[in-house]
Amino acid sequence: MTVHDEVTPYDATHAEGLGDWRYLLGELVARFDIGSPAEGAALAVAITAAGDRMHHHPEVDLRPDHIVVRTRTEAVDGLTQQDLDLARAVSAVADDAGTAARPGRLATLEIGIDTVDAAAIRPFWTAVLGYEADGRGDLRDLAGHLPDLWFQDMDPPRTDRNRIHFDLTLPHDVAEQRVAAALAAGGRLVSDGRAPAFWVLADADGNEVCLCTWQARSTSGEPASH
């Protein structure tokens, strides 16, 4: 396999040496604890240097007590062998620095809007959020700080449920625990018909959230649909 060959979510999840990482929405993501911002800055520099050596650069998000690293290949809108190799290199750098990985604390949030005419409302949401549309018509914050927004066809129109919901993509090995915790906290299971791709939950007022994983999806980038 060459560095440019695409990698499936399954293969990325089960590849050797990637225990620190989880597949979330077309990316490999890892989180490492740090003792101080200065320690994190040094780790970020070392990770960047690893990316320079491999000619493949990860996204590094430095916070006061942790650092989050993401890697994907834009050319394939997903993962390649190069991402797996980079992830292993980053883990080696983090291990040398003595940092602990926290894959169970990873998540990616999206917002979904149910609509009968996405083209009619997309300009409003693009303008009000300052986002840009990708090739699928989903809206993205180019700075990468805010959740993506996507539009779900609603046919036929429904009035018995809300039209805006959250999609929270979790590591596949923590999703069921999160579902159980949400139900124990007063939530309601709306549907588990597509689990483990996603569970639809609601609060006492009927506001909905999909807890999603990469598993049991027809395409790696497929959003939840309910």
Protein backbone atom coordinates (compact mmCIF):
# COMPACT_ATOMS: atom_id res chain seq x y z
CA MET A 1 0.00 0.00 0.00
CA THR A 2 1.35 3.45 -0.91
CA VAL A 3 0.98 6.56 1.23
CA HIS A 4 -1.69 7.91 -1.14
CA ASP A 5 -3.96 4.84 -1.03
CA GLU A 6 -7.31 5.48 0.63
CA VAL A 7 -8.04 3.82 3.96
CA THR A 8 -11.49 2.74 5.15
CA PRO A 9 -12.85 3.66 8.60
CA TYR A 10 -12.68 -0.01 9.57
CA ASP A 11 -9.04 -0.35 8.55
CA ALA A 12 -8.12 2.89 10.29
CA THR A 13 -9.84 1.75 13.47
CA HIS A 14 -8.16 -1.65 13.50
CA ALA A 15 -4.68 -0.68 12.26
CA GLU A 16 -1.77 -1.43 14.57
CA GLY A 17 -0.23 1.37 16.58
CA LEU A 18 -3.28 3.65 16.54
CA GLY A 19 -4.69 3.03 20.01
CA ASP A 20 -4.48 6.76 20.79
CA TRP A 21 -6.67 7.64 17.80
CA ARG A 22 -10.33 7.43 16.84
CA TYR A 23 -12.04 7.83 13.46
CA LEU A 24 -14.52 10.72 13.52
CA LEU A 25 -16.19 12.06 10.36
CA GLY A 26 -13.42 11.37 7.89
CA GLU A 27 -10.55 12.21 10.24
CA LEU A 28 -8.23 10.50 12.68
CA VAL A 29 -8.37 12.39 15.97
CA ALA A 30 -6.33 12.11 19.16
CA ARG A 31 -6.28 14.00 22.46
CA PHE A 32 -3.29 14.18 24.77
CA ASP A 33 -3.13 15.60 28.30
CA ILE A 34 -0.49 18.26 28.99
CA GLY A 35 0.87 19.64 32.24
CA SER A 36 0.98 23.28 31.14
CA PRO A 37 0.50 25.47 28.07
CA ALA A 38 4.29 25.65 27.69
CA GLU A 39 4.49 21.86 27.68
CA GLY A 40 1.70 21.77 25.12
CA ALA A 41 3.43 24.34 22.94
CA ALA A 42 6.60 22.25 22.93
CA LEU A 43 4.57 19.17 22.01
CA ALA A 44 2.83 21.10 19.22
CA VAL A 45 6.21 22.14 17.80
CA ALA A 46 7.43 18.54 17.88
CA ILE A 47 4.24 17.33 16.18
CA THR A 48 4.59 20.01 13.51
CA ALA A 49 8.18 18.93 12.91
CA ALA A 50 7.01 15.34 12.43
CA GLY A 51 4.51 16.58 9.86
CA ASP A 52 7.26 18.53 8.08
CA ARG A 53 9.40 15.42 7.82
CA MET A 54 6.49 13.45 6.36
CA HIS A 55 5.24 16.29 4.13
CA HIS A 56 1.77 15.86 5.64
CA HIS A 57 0.58 18.35 8.23
CA PRO A 58 -1.96 17.68 10.99
CA GLU A 59 -4.30 20.18 12.59
CA VAL A 60 -3.15 20.94 16.13
CA ASP A 61 -5.47 22.54 18.70
CA LEU A 62 -3.66 23.62 21.88
CA ARG A 63 -5.67 24.17 25.07
CA PRO A 64 -4.44 24.88 28.63
CA ASP A 65 -4.61 21.25 29.76
CA HIS A 66 -4.72 19.19 26.56
CA ILE A 67 -3.91 19.12 22.88
CA VAL A 68 -6.11 17.72 20.09
CA VAL A 69 -4.56 16.52 16.83
CA ARG A 70 -6.48 15.75 13.64
CA THR A 71 -5.26 14.36 10.34
CA ARG A 72 -6.99 13.75 7.02
CA THR A 73 -6.14 13.95 3.32
CA GLU A 74 -8.03 16.71 1.51
CA ALA A 75 -7.40 15.18 -1.92
CA VAL A 76 -9.56 12.15 -1.12
CA ASP A 77 -11.88 13.86 1.41
CA GLY A 78 -10.92 11.20 3.91
CA LEU A 79 -7.99 9.09 5.04
CA THR A 80 -4.96 7.64 3.29
CA GLN A 81 -2.05 5.54 4.44
CA GLN A 82 -0.18 8.79 4.92
CA ASP A 83 -2.60 9.74 7.72
CA LEU A 84 -2.03 6.42 9.47
CA ASP A 85 1.74 6.86 9.23
CA LEU A 86 1.50 10.42 10.54
CA ALA A 87 -0.76 9.34 13.41
CA ARG A 88 1.79 6.75 14.50
CA ALA A 89 4.55 9.37 14.33
CA VAL A 90 2.51 11.80 16.45
CA SER A 91 1.83 9.09 19.04
CA ALA A 92 5.56 8.39 19.22
CA VAL A 93 6.26 12.09 19.81
CA ALA A 94 3.57 12.25 22.51
CA ASP A 95 4.89 9.09 24.15
CA ASP A 96 8.41 10.52 24.23
CA ALA A 97 6.96 13.62 25.91
CA GLY A 98 5.25 11.47 28.55
CA THR A 99 1.74 12.64 27.73
CA ALA A 100 -1.35 10.46 28.22
CA ALA A 101 -3.85 9.90 25.40
CA ARG A 102 -7.57 10.36 26.19
CA PRO A 103 -9.49 8.91 23.22
CA GLY A 104 -12.67 8.54 25.28
CA ARG A 105 -12.98 12.32 25.53
CA LEU A 106 -13.10 12.94 21.79
CA ALA A 107 -16.20 14.10 19.91
CA THR A 108 -17.25 16.09 16.84
CA LEU A 109 -20.44 18.17 16.79
CA GLU A 110 -22.63 18.99 13.77
CA ILE A 111 -25.99 20.73 13.49
CA GLY A 112 -28.68 19.33 11.18
CA ILE A 113 -31.71 21.18 9.80
CA ASP A 114 -34.64 19.25 8.35
CA THR A 115 -36.12 21.03 5.34
CA VAL A 116 -38.19 20.48 2.19
CA ASP A 117 -36.07 23.00 0.25
CA ALA A 118 -32.42 23.27 1.30
CA ALA A 119 -31.63 25.63 -1.58
CA ALA A 120 -34.16 28.15 -0.24
CA ILE A 121 -32.69 28.35 3.27
CA ARG A 122 -28.99 27.64 2.64
CA PRO A 123 -28.15 31.28 1.68
CA PHE A 124 -29.59 32.55 4.96
CA TRP A 125 -27.54 30.16 7.09
CA THR A 126 -24.43 30.81 4.99
CA ALA A 127 -24.78 34.56 5.57
CA VAL A 128 -25.79 34.55 9.22
CA LEU A 129 -23.03 32.12 10.25
CA GLY A 130 -20.37 33.40 7.86
CA TYR A 131 -19.84 29.85 6.59
CA GLU A 132 -19.03 28.49 3.13
CA ALA A 133 -20.70 25.57 1.36
CA ASP A 134 -18.72 22.50 0.39
CA GLY A 135 -19.32 20.29 -2.64
CA ARG A 136 -22.22 18.51 -0.93
CA GLY A 137 -23.93 21.74 0.08
CA ASP A 138 -23.01 21.34 3.75
CA LEU A 139 -21.87 24.54 5.46
CA ARG A 140 -18.47 24.78 7.14
CA ASP A 141 -16.61 27.28 9.27
CA LEU A 142 -13.32 27.62 7.39
CA ALA A 143 -11.52 28.47 10.63
CA GLY A 144 -12.61 25.12 12.02
CA HIS A 145 -13.88 26.54 15.32
CA LEU A 146 -17.65 26.15 14.91
CA PRO A 147 -19.81 23.08 14.17
CA ASP A 148 -20.63 22.14 10.58
CA LEU A 149 -24.24 22.54 9.49
CA TRP A 150 -26.01 20.22 7.04
CA PHE A 151 -29.51 19.95 5.57
CA GLN A 152 -31.65 16.82 5.69
CA ASP A 153 -34.44 16.33 3.16
CA MET A 154 -37.81 16.15 4.88
CA ASP A 155 -40.25 14.32 2.63
CA PRO A 156 -43.06 14.46 3.45
CA PRO A 157 -42.95 17.53 5.70
CA ARG A 158 -43.54 16.74 9.35
CA THR A 159 -44.89 18.94 12.12
CA ASP A 160 -44.74 16.53 15.07
CA ARG A 161 -40.98 16.88 15.64
CA ASN A 162 -38.48 19.72 15.71
CA ARG A 163 -36.48 20.66 12.63
CA ILE A 164 -33.07 21.46 14.14
CA HIS A 165 -31.05 18.78 15.90
CA PHE A 166 -27.49 18.09 16.98
CA ASP A 167 -25.31 15.31 15.55
CA LEU A 168 -22.61 14.32 18.03
CA THR A 169 -20.10 11.88 16.55
CA LEU A 170 -18.32 9.86 19.22
CA PRO A 171 -15.65 7.18 19.31
CA HIS A 172 -17.37 3.90 18.55
CA ASP A 173 -16.23 2.40 21.85
CA VAL A 174 -17.91 5.01 24.07
CA ALA A 175 -21.18 5.66 22.22
CA GLU A 176 -23.35 3.09 24.02
CA GLN A 177 -22.11 4.35 27.39
CA ARG A 178 -23.11 7.88 26.38
CA VAL A 179 -26.56 6.68 25.28
CA ALA A 180 -27.07 4.98 28.63
CA ALA A 181 -25.93 8.07 30.52
CA ALA A 182 -28.29 10.31 28.53
CA LEU A 183 -31.25 8.03 29.17
CA ALA A 184 -30.40 7.83 32.87
CA ALA A 185 -30.34 11.64 32.93
CA GLY A 186 -33.97 11.87 31.80
CA GLY A 187 -33.57 11.46 28.05
CA ARG A 188 -35.87 9.47 25.78
CA LEU A 189 -34.91 7.05 23.04
CA VAL A 190 -36.61 8.17 19.83
CA SER A 191 -35.04 5.49 17.64
CA ASP A 192 -32.24 2.93 17.64
CA GLY A 193 -33.24 1.47 14.27
CA ARG A 194 -29.92 2.51 12.69
CA ALA A 195 -27.65 1.79 15.66
CA PRO A 196 -24.68 1.66 15.87
CA ALA A 197 -24.57 4.21 13.02
CA PHE A 198 -26.66 6.48 15.25
CA TRP A 199 -29.18 6.62 18.07
CA VAL A 200 -31.80 9.39 18.13
CA LEU A 201 -32.41 10.74 21.63
CA ALA A 202 -34.57 13.56 22.94
CA ASP A 203 -34.84 15.57 26.13
CA ALA A 204 -38.07 16.02 28.07
CA ASP A 205 -39.10 18.88 25.76
CA GLY A 206 -38.51 16.83 22.61
CA ASN A 207 -35.27 18.50 21.50
CA GLU A 208 -33.26 15.88 19.62
CA VAL A 209 -29.65 14.78 19.33
CA CYS A 210 -28.15 11.96 17.27
CA LEU A 211 -25.27 10.11 18.88
CA CYS A 212 -23.29 8.82 15.90
CA THR A 213 -20.37 6.52 15.14
CA TRP A 214 -18.59 5.49 11.95
CA GLN A 215 -19.99 1.98 12.17
CA ALA A 216 -22.73 0.56 9.92
CA ARG A 217 -22.66 3.46 7.46
CA SER A 218 -22.81 3.08 3.69
CA THR A 219 -20.16 5.83 3.21
CA SER A 220 -17.52 7.14 5.58
CA GLY A 221 -18.80 10.72 5.38
CA GLU A 222 -22.51 9.95 5.52
CA PRO A 223 -24.31 12.16 8.04
CA ALA A 224 -27.01 10.85 10.32
CA SER A 225 -30.50 10.71 8.80
CA HIS A 226 -33.61 10.19 10.87
